[in-house]
Amino acid sequence: MSSLVEIVAPARLGHGFRWLIASSWVSNLGDGIAAAAGPLLVASLTHDPGLVALAALLQWLPPLVFGLYAGALADRLDRRLIIVTVDLLRALVLVLLTMAIATDLASITLVLVAMFLLGTAEVFADNTTATLMPMLVARDDLAIANARLTTGFITVNQLAGPPIGAALFAAGHAVPFAAQASVVALGAVLVLRVALPPHGRESGTVTTISHDVAEAFRWVLHHAAVRTLVLTIFVFNITFGAAWSVLVLYATQRLGLGPIGFGLLTTISAVGGICGTLGYGWLTRRVSLGNLMRVGLVFETCTMLSLALTTSKWVAFAIFFVFGAHAFIWGTTSLTIRQRAVPAELQGRVGSVNLVGVFGGLVVGSGVGGLIAREWGVTAPFWFAFVGSALFVVLIWRQLVHIAHADEADAPAPA
């Protein structure tokens, strides 16, 4: 058992990291359960496509509405206290939702409100949790530490959580939400064991939230590597969002897949992600983080072209496997470079600026993809994604040198 713990969370990363990864994995299990149980609950209460779409929108909206505010609070207040408070509030909402379902009092309106509240709480919890890693782990170990967190996310959130959530929902509509409440509360207890160095605003400093947010935007604009990262994730999520917004139609109409086949695309992608993160340490010992990101941009561009051309489900499965590895290598690398570059007192706010770029690009891309597919067919968004990505890579290629050297710059070690 001790050898397994050493593999997952090496002792050199510290006891604080071990408590953090345990809390993260437990919380991600709850999120994975909800990923299946939430849509099933909505579908059991309504067949109105508009309400089903609204449920999806309520999961995308909170990061755009509250992301910047969450980042500002993370840099003002005790970060551990924020996570514990928010997770306990999430658990309370889930307990109330469980009781409403068990007593047949859960209406579609109540469920949608609960989903919005849970999504909002998750923004504050996730944004603040991301600021803890550079406070606990030495700079040179951030890459492997983030890879371990990502491995847990893929394993329990994407692979284990959804089937568990579906099975629990079949056993009783209230059961998965009771289970999620339990693991979210456990995650809060585990993060209490994390000992953080002094952080937050110095006493006597008085500024407004808008001032703090503006400071983060100015910092991003003046830091070449992070500015390039935020711009890149925004543009690439427009192209990605356009293609993935019609993925279910592409899978059924273009590839001839049924519901099980469509589900396999996500599963295969997650398996690829696990392989990518397991080999992440080997990669980062041989390739700089910046060059990993350069290769990733080119690969994602080629992925869109390949999917636009193929009609074979087997080719698509292979593409999704490799794309899954790329997606999580990219995400881990981007997070590591940002954590190394951003001062501790700005981690929350700069992370929230990046979050707005992530979800802003997805929202814009989803709208564009739907319009393009309606006019020119289900492969048109993939052609749009390929052309848009290729043009952006050409335009920004010289700027990518900033990312290529960002991980080599000097940065203070955590306390």
Protein backbone atom coordinates (compact mmCIF):
# COMPACT_ATOMS: atom_id res chain seq x y z
CA MET A 1 0.00 0.00 0.00
CA SER A 2 2.81 2.40 0.92
CA SER A 3 4.51 1.75 -2.43
CA LEU A 4 1.28 2.60 -4.26
CA VAL A 5 0.99 5.85 -2.30
CA GLU A 6 4.60 6.66 -3.19
CA ILE A 7 3.89 6.13 -6.89
CA VAL A 8 0.75 8.27 -6.87
CA ALA A 9 2.02 10.96 -4.49
CA PRO A 10 5.80 10.82 -4.03
CA ALA A 11 7.00 11.80 -0.56
CA ARG A 12 9.16 14.58 -2.01
CA LEU A 13 5.96 16.44 -2.96
CA GLY A 14 5.09 16.75 0.72
CA HIS A 15 2.26 15.77 3.07
CA GLY A 16 0.24 18.81 2.03
CA PHE A 17 0.16 17.56 -1.56
CA ARG A 18 -1.02 14.14 -0.42
CA TRP A 19 -3.97 15.63 1.46
CA LEU A 20 -4.72 17.92 -1.52
CA ILE A 21 -4.70 15.08 -4.05
CA ALA A 22 -6.92 12.95 -1.78
CA SER A 23 -9.42 15.80 -1.50
CA SER A 24 -9.30 16.44 -5.26
CA TRP A 25 -9.84 12.80 -6.21
CA VAL A 26 -12.72 12.41 -3.78
CA SER A 27 -14.42 15.61 -4.99
CA ASN A 28 -13.93 14.57 -8.62
CA LEU A 29 -15.69 11.28 -7.90
CA GLY A 30 -18.71 13.29 -6.75
CA ASP A 31 -18.58 15.44 -9.89
CA GLY A 32 -18.36 12.32 -12.05
CA ILE A 33 -21.42 10.84 -10.34
CA ALA A 34 -23.31 14.08 -11.02
CA ALA A 35 -22.19 14.12 -14.67
CA ALA A 36 -24.47 11.12 -15.32
CA ALA A 37 -27.11 11.53 -12.61
CA GLY A 38 -27.82 15.21 -13.33
CA PRO A 39 -28.90 14.83 -16.98
CA LEU A 40 -30.82 11.64 -16.09
CA LEU A 41 -32.73 13.51 -13.40
CA VAL A 42 -33.59 16.36 -15.79
CA ALA A 43 -34.72 13.89 -18.46
CA SER A 44 -36.92 12.10 -15.91
CA LEU A 45 -38.72 15.36 -15.14
CA THR A 46 -39.13 16.88 -18.61
CA HIS A 47 -38.94 16.02 -22.31
CA ASP A 48 -38.84 19.69 -23.34
CA PRO A 49 -35.65 20.18 -25.44
CA GLY A 50 -35.51 23.81 -24.36
CA LEU A 51 -35.37 22.89 -20.67
CA VAL A 52 -32.82 20.14 -21.33
CA ALA A 53 -30.65 22.69 -23.20
CA LEU A 54 -31.16 25.17 -20.36
CA ALA A 55 -29.80 22.61 -17.90
CA ALA A 56 -26.62 22.37 -20.00
CA LEU A 57 -26.38 26.17 -20.23
CA LEU A 58 -26.61 26.51 -16.45
CA GLN A 59 -23.43 24.44 -16.17
CA TRP A 60 -21.53 26.73 -18.58
CA LEU A 61 -22.82 30.03 -17.23
CA PRO A 62 -21.35 30.26 -13.69
CA PRO A 63 -17.67 30.42 -14.78
CA LEU A 64 -18.45 33.37 -17.03
CA VAL A 65 -20.60 35.16 -14.46
CA PHE A 66 -18.62 34.48 -11.29
CA GLY A 67 -15.15 33.42 -12.46
CA LEU A 68 -13.45 36.80 -12.06
CA TYR A 69 -15.08 37.42 -8.67
CA ALA A 70 -14.00 33.96 -7.47
CA GLY A 71 -10.42 34.70 -8.49
CA ALA A 72 -10.42 38.02 -6.64
CA LEU A 73 -11.70 36.40 -3.45
CA ALA A 74 -9.07 33.66 -3.67
CA ASP A 75 -6.37 36.33 -3.58
CA ARG A 76 -8.03 38.25 -0.72
CA LEU A 77 -9.10 35.55 1.76
CA ASP A 78 -7.88 32.34 3.36
CA ARG A 79 -7.91 29.93 0.42
CA ARG A 80 -8.39 26.78 2.48
CA LEU A 81 -11.35 28.37 4.27
CA ILE A 82 -12.94 29.29 0.92
CA ILE A 83 -12.74 25.69 -0.31
CA VAL A 84 -14.09 24.19 2.90
CA THR A 85 -16.96 26.71 3.15
CA VAL A 86 -17.99 26.31 -0.48
CA ASP A 87 -17.82 22.50 -0.37
CA LEU A 88 -19.96 22.39 2.77
CA LEU A 89 -22.52 24.67 1.07
CA ARG A 90 -22.49 22.33 -1.94
CA ALA A 91 -23.13 19.40 0.36
CA LEU A 92 -26.04 21.26 1.98
CA VAL A 93 -27.64 21.98 -1.42
CA LEU A 94 -27.22 18.32 -2.38
CA VAL A 95 -28.81 17.15 0.89
CA LEU A 96 -31.81 19.43 0.30
CA LEU A 97 -32.08 18.23 -3.30
CA THR A 98 -31.90 14.60 -2.13
CA MET A 99 -34.72 15.18 0.34
CA ALA A 100 -36.86 16.88 -2.31
CA ILE A 101 -36.36 13.97 -4.72
CA ALA A 102 -37.02 11.35 -2.06
CA THR A 103 -40.30 13.04 -1.09
CA ASP A 104 -41.41 13.63 -4.70
CA LEU A 105 -41.21 17.41 -4.26
CA ALA A 106 -38.48 17.97 -6.87
CA SER A 107 -39.82 20.02 -9.79
CA ILE A 108 -37.81 20.84 -12.90
CA THR A 109 -37.53 24.44 -11.68
CA LEU A 110 -36.07 23.36 -8.34
CA VAL A 111 -33.60 21.04 -10.06
CA LEU A 112 -32.44 23.77 -12.47
CA VAL A 113 -31.95 26.19 -9.58
CA ALA A 114 -29.97 23.55 -7.68
CA MET A 115 -27.78 22.88 -10.73
CA PHE A 116 -27.01 26.59 -11.05
CA LEU A 117 -26.12 26.86 -7.36
CA LEU A 118 -23.89 23.78 -7.54
CA GLY A 119 -22.19 25.07 -10.69
CA THR A 120 -21.58 28.43 -9.04
CA ALA A 121 -20.09 26.83 -5.93
CA GLU A 122 -17.86 24.65 -8.09
CA VAL A 123 -16.39 27.76 -9.75
CA PHE A 124 -15.23 29.11 -6.38
CA ALA A 125 -13.96 25.70 -5.22
CA ASP A 126 -12.08 24.78 -8.41
CA ASN A 127 -10.55 28.23 -8.95
CA THR A 128 -9.26 28.38 -5.38
CA THR A 129 -8.03 24.78 -5.37
CA ALA A 130 -5.83 25.55 -8.39
CA THR A 131 -3.99 28.22 -6.37
CA LEU A 132 -2.88 25.75 -3.69
CA MET A 133 -0.49 23.67 -5.79
CA PRO A 134 2.31 26.26 -6.21
CA MET A 135 2.04 26.98 -2.48
CA LEU A 136 2.72 23.34 -1.59
CA VAL A 137 5.00 21.93 -4.27
CA ALA A 138 8.46 23.03 -5.41
CA ARG A 139 8.59 24.70 -8.81
CA ASP A 140 10.44 21.85 -10.54
CA ASP A 141 7.85 19.34 -9.29
CA LEU A 142 4.76 21.25 -10.45
CA ALA A 143 4.54 19.35 -13.74
CA ILE A 144 4.44 15.90 -12.16
CA ALA A 145 2.14 17.09 -9.34
CA ASN A 146 -0.37 18.50 -11.83
CA ALA A 147 -0.14 15.31 -13.86
CA ARG A 148 -1.11 13.29 -10.78
CA LEU A 149 -4.15 15.52 -10.21
CA THR A 150 -5.11 15.17 -13.87
CA THR A 151 -4.82 11.39 -13.69
CA GLY A 152 -7.29 11.38 -10.82
CA PHE A 153 -9.63 13.67 -12.73
CA ILE A 154 -9.69 11.35 -15.74
CA THR A 155 -9.95 8.15 -13.71
CA VAL A 156 -12.66 9.07 -11.21
CA ASN A 157 -14.43 11.98 -12.91
CA GLN A 158 -14.63 10.70 -16.47
CA LEU A 159 -14.28 6.92 -16.24
CA ALA A 160 -15.48 5.72 -12.84
CA GLY A 161 -17.88 8.47 -11.76
CA PRO A 162 -20.46 8.48 -14.62
CA PRO A 163 -21.22 4.73 -14.62
CA ILE A 164 -21.44 4.78 -10.82
CA GLY A 165 -23.81 7.74 -11.04
CA ALA A 166 -25.98 5.98 -13.63
CA ALA A 167 -26.10 2.78 -11.56
CA LEU A 168 -27.01 4.68 -8.39
CA PHE A 169 -29.73 6.58 -10.27
CA ALA A 170 -31.20 3.27 -11.43
CA ALA A 171 -31.26 2.13 -7.80
CA GLY A 172 -33.13 5.28 -6.74
CA HIS A 173 -33.31 8.80 -8.15
CA ALA A 174 -32.18 10.36 -4.87
CA VAL A 175 -29.30 7.93 -4.21
CA PRO A 176 -26.56 9.47 -6.42
CA PHE A 177 -27.13 12.95 -4.99
CA ALA A 178 -26.88 11.62 -1.44
CA ALA A 179 -23.63 9.91 -2.44
CA GLN A 180 -22.31 13.11 -4.00
CA ALA A 181 -23.15 15.07 -0.85
CA SER A 182 -21.14 12.57 1.19
CA VAL A 183 -18.00 12.69 -0.96
CA VAL A 184 -18.11 16.50 -1.30
CA ALA A 185 -18.26 16.81 2.50
CA LEU A 186 -15.39 14.31 2.80
CA GLY A 187 -13.36 16.41 0.35
CA ALA A 188 -13.86 19.43 2.61
CA VAL A 189 -12.62 17.46 5.63
CA LEU A 190 -9.53 16.26 3.76
CA VAL A 191 -8.53 19.74 2.58
CA LEU A 192 -8.65 20.89 6.20
CA ARG A 193 -5.53 18.76 6.75
CA VAL A 194 -3.56 20.85 4.23
CA ALA A 195 -1.19 23.29 5.97
CA LEU A 196 -0.62 26.42 3.87
CA PRO A 197 2.08 29.07 4.20
CA PRO A 198 0.95 32.65 4.93
CA HIS A 199 -0.92 34.12 1.99
CA GLY A 200 -3.62 36.61 1.10
CA ARG A 201 -3.70 40.36 1.31
CA GLU A 202 -1.55 42.24 3.77
CA SER A 203 -3.48 43.87 6.58
CA GLY A 204 -4.32 47.51 5.92
CA THR A 205 -4.59 47.11 2.14
CA VAL A 206 -7.98 48.33 0.92
CA THR A 207 -9.04 47.96 -2.72
CA THR A 208 -12.24 47.16 -4.60
CA ILE A 209 -12.99 43.91 -6.39
CA SER A 210 -13.03 45.74 -9.73
CA HIS A 211 -9.56 47.12 -8.99
CA ASP A 212 -8.27 43.63 -8.17
CA VAL A 213 -9.73 42.18 -11.38
CA ALA A 214 -8.33 45.03 -13.47
CA GLU A 215 -4.92 44.43 -11.91
CA ALA A 216 -5.05 40.80 -13.05
CA PHE A 217 -5.97 41.77 -16.61
CA ARG A 218 -3.11 44.30 -16.70
CA TRP A 219 -0.69 41.69 -15.42
CA VAL A 220 -1.79 39.20 -18.09
CA LEU A 221 -1.50 41.82 -20.85
CA HIS A 222 2.06 42.65 -19.82
CA HIS A 223 3.28 39.05 -19.35
CA ALA A 224 4.07 37.65 -22.79
CA ALA A 225 3.84 33.94 -21.96
CA VAL A 226 0.59 34.05 -19.97
CA ARG A 227 -0.97 36.50 -22.44
CA THR A 228 -0.19 34.07 -25.24
CA LEU A 229 -1.62 31.17 -23.24
CA VAL A 230 -4.93 32.95 -22.53
CA LEU A 231 -5.30 34.12 -26.13
CA THR A 232 -4.48 30.65 -27.44
CA ILE A 233 -6.97 28.82 -25.20
CA PHE A 234 -9.69 31.34 -26.10
CA VAL A 235 -9.22 30.98 -29.87
CA PHE A 236 -8.67 27.23 -29.82
CA ASN A 237 -11.77 26.75 -27.68
CA ILE A 238 -13.78 28.64 -30.28
CA THR A 239 -12.65 26.16 -32.93
CA PHE A 240 -12.92 23.18 -30.57
CA GLY A 241 -16.34 24.28 -29.32
CA ALA A 242 -17.61 24.68 -32.88
CA ALA A 243 -16.65 21.11 -33.80
CA TRP A 244 -17.64 19.44 -30.52
CA SER A 245 -21.02 21.21 -30.40
CA VAL A 246 -22.27 18.88 -33.16
CA LEU A 247 -20.23 15.83 -32.12
CA VAL A 248 -23.30 13.70 -31.40
CA LEU A 249 -24.65 14.45 -34.89
CA TYR A 250 -21.24 13.86 -36.47
CA ALA A 251 -20.96 10.51 -34.69
CA THR A 252 -24.40 9.27 -35.72
CA GLN A 253 -24.70 10.75 -39.22
CA ARG A 254 -21.08 10.74 -40.42
CA LEU A 255 -19.65 7.72 -38.60
CA GLY A 256 -22.86 5.69 -38.28
CA LEU A 257 -22.48 5.19 -34.52
CA GLY A 258 -25.35 4.43 -32.15
CA PRO A 259 -25.66 5.64 -28.54
CA ILE A 260 -23.13 3.09 -27.27
CA GLY A 261 -20.65 4.00 -30.00
CA PHE A 262 -21.02 7.68 -29.21
CA GLY A 263 -20.33 6.95 -25.55
CA LEU A 264 -17.23 5.00 -26.59
CA LEU A 265 -15.75 8.16 -28.11
CA THR A 266 -15.65 9.78 -24.67
CA THR A 267 -14.37 6.62 -23.01
CA ILE A 268 -11.60 6.12 -25.57
CA SER A 269 -10.60 9.76 -25.21
CA ALA A 270 -10.40 9.38 -21.43
CA VAL A 271 -8.25 6.23 -21.78
CA GLY A 272 -5.94 8.20 -24.05
CA GLY A 273 -5.82 10.91 -21.40
CA ILE A 274 -4.73 8.39 -18.77
CA CYS A 275 -1.95 7.14 -21.04
CA GLY A 276 -0.87 10.72 -21.69
CA THR A 277 -0.68 11.65 -18.03
CA LEU A 278 1.06 8.39 -17.04
CA GLY A 279 3.80 9.18 -19.56
CA TYR A 280 3.90 12.87 -18.67
CA GLY A 281 6.95 12.61 -16.40
CA TRP A 282 8.89 10.80 -19.13
CA LEU A 283 7.91 13.47 -21.67
CA THR A 284 8.82 16.46 -19.51
CA ARG A 285 12.27 15.01 -18.83
CA ARG A 286 12.97 15.04 -22.57
CA VAL A 287 10.89 17.89 -24.01
CA SER A 288 10.46 21.44 -22.69
CA LEU A 289 6.95 22.45 -21.64
CA GLY A 290 6.88 25.17 -24.29
CA ASN A 291 7.71 22.75 -27.09
CA LEU A 292 5.07 20.33 -25.83
CA MET A 293 2.52 23.10 -26.30
CA ARG A 294 3.80 23.97 -29.78
CA VAL A 295 3.46 20.35 -30.88
CA GLY A 296 0.02 20.21 -29.24
CA LEU A 297 -1.30 23.15 -31.26
CA VAL A 298 -0.17 21.57 -34.51
CA PHE A 299 -1.63 18.21 -33.49
CA GLU A 300 -5.02 19.66 -32.59
CA THR A 301 -5.16 21.43 -35.94
CA CYS A 302 -4.43 18.15 -37.74
CA THR A 303 -7.04 16.37 -35.61
CA MET A 304 -9.79 18.63 -36.94
CA LEU A 305 -8.66 17.99 -40.53
CA SER A 306 -8.57 14.21 -39.97
CA LEU A 307 -12.07 14.14 -38.49
CA ALA A 308 -13.39 16.30 -41.33
CA LEU A 309 -12.03 13.81 -43.89
CA THR A 310 -12.74 10.40 -42.35
CA THR A 311 -15.93 8.39 -42.47
CA SER A 312 -14.46 5.39 -40.65
CA LYS A 313 -15.42 4.88 -37.03
CA TRP A 314 -12.20 2.94 -36.42
CA VAL A 315 -10.07 5.82 -37.65
CA ALA A 316 -12.15 8.17 -35.51
CA PHE A 317 -11.62 5.95 -32.45
CA ALA A 318 -7.84 6.08 -32.99
CA ILE A 319 -7.96 9.86 -33.42
CA PHE A 320 -9.96 10.28 -30.21
CA PHE A 321 -7.51 8.10 -28.28
CA VAL A 322 -4.54 10.24 -29.31
CA PHE A 323 -6.54 13.45 -28.94
CA GLY A 324 -7.41 12.45 -25.36
CA ALA A 325 -3.71 12.11 -24.57
CA HIS A 326 -3.01 15.48 -26.20
CA ALA A 327 -5.84 17.26 -24.40
CA PHE A 328 -4.65 16.32 -20.94
CA ILE A 329 -0.97 16.86 -21.74
CA TRP A 330 -1.90 20.31 -23.02
CA GLY A 331 -4.05 21.11 -19.99
CA THR A 332 -1.43 19.96 -17.49
CA THR A 333 1.34 21.85 -19.30
CA SER A 334 -0.67 25.06 -19.57
CA LEU A 335 -1.53 24.94 -15.86
CA THR A 336 2.09 24.26 -14.88
CA ILE A 337 3.49 27.13 -16.95
CA ARG A 338 0.91 29.52 -15.51
CA GLN A 339 1.58 28.41 -11.95
CA ARG A 340 5.32 28.91 -12.43
CA ALA A 341 4.93 32.35 -13.95
CA VAL A 342 2.23 33.96 -11.80
CA PRO A 343 3.07 35.47 -8.38
CA ALA A 344 1.32 33.80 -5.44
CA GLU A 345 -0.78 36.88 -4.67
CA LEU A 346 -2.20 36.87 -8.24
CA GLN A 347 -2.77 33.13 -8.74
CA GLY A 348 -6.54 33.28 -8.12
CA ARG A 349 -7.23 36.28 -10.34
CA VAL A 350 -5.01 35.27 -13.24
CA GLY A 351 -6.52 31.79 -13.08
CA SER A 352 -9.98 33.34 -13.33
CA VAL A 353 -8.93 35.39 -16.38
CA ASN A 354 -7.82 32.14 -18.00
CA LEU A 355 -11.12 30.52 -16.95
CA VAL A 356 -13.11 33.25 -18.70
CA GLY A 357 -11.03 32.62 -21.81
CA VAL A 358 -11.74 28.89 -21.62
CA PHE A 359 -15.51 29.13 -21.23
CA GLY A 360 -15.89 32.24 -23.35
CA GLY A 361 -14.31 30.42 -26.27
CA LEU A 362 -16.52 27.36 -25.75
CA VAL A 363 -19.72 29.42 -25.63
CA VAL A 364 -18.81 31.38 -28.78
CA GLY A 365 -17.66 28.24 -30.57
CA SER A 366 -20.80 26.30 -29.73
CA GLY A 367 -22.98 29.04 -31.21
CA VAL A 368 -20.85 29.30 -34.34
CA GLY A 369 -20.75 25.52 -34.80
CA GLY A 370 -24.52 25.18 -34.64
CA LEU A 371 -25.04 27.87 -37.27
CA ILE A 372 -22.40 26.43 -39.61
CA ALA A 373 -23.73 22.87 -39.28
CA ARG A 374 -27.30 24.01 -39.97
CA GLU A 375 -26.17 25.71 -43.19
CA TRP A 376 -23.48 23.36 -44.55
CA GLY A 377 -23.75 20.02 -42.72
CA VAL A 378 -22.17 18.26 -39.74
CA THR A 379 -18.62 18.18 -41.14
CA ALA A 380 -18.56 21.94 -41.81
CA PRO A 381 -17.69 22.85 -38.17
CA PHE A 382 -14.67 20.53 -38.36
CA TRP A 383 -13.48 22.27 -41.53
CA PHE A 384 -14.04 25.61 -39.79
CA ALA A 385 -12.02 24.36 -36.82
CA PHE A 386 -9.17 23.18 -39.05
CA VAL A 387 -8.94 26.39 -41.08
CA GLY A 388 -9.35 28.63 -38.02
CA SER A 389 -6.76 26.72 -35.99
CA ALA A 390 -4.26 26.62 -38.86
CA LEU A 391 -4.56 30.36 -39.47
CA PHE A 392 -4.17 31.14 -35.78
CA VAL A 393 -1.08 28.92 -35.45
CA VAL A 394 0.53 30.68 -38.40
CA LEU A 395 -0.28 34.12 -37.01
CA ILE A 396 0.89 33.36 -33.48
CA TRP A 397 3.83 31.07 -34.25
CA ARG A 398 6.46 33.72 -33.49
CA GLN A 399 4.72 34.57 -30.21
CA LEU A 400 4.92 30.95 -29.11
CA VAL A 401 8.60 31.52 -28.31
CA HIS A 402 7.37 33.23 -25.14
CA ILE A 403 5.69 30.02 -24.02
CA ALA A 404 8.70 27.96 -25.10
CA HIS A 405 10.93 29.81 -22.63
CA ALA A 406 8.38 30.50 -19.88
CA ASP A 407 9.15 27.28 -18.06
CA GLU A 408 12.86 28.12 -18.07
CA ALA A 409 12.47 31.51 -16.39
CA ASP A 410 13.51 32.02 -12.81
CA ALA A 411 10.67 31.96 -10.31
CA PRO A 412 10.58 31.97 -6.51
CA ALA A 413 10.07 28.62 -4.82
CA PRO A 414 7.01 28.14 -2.58
CA ALA A 415 7.36 28.72 1.10
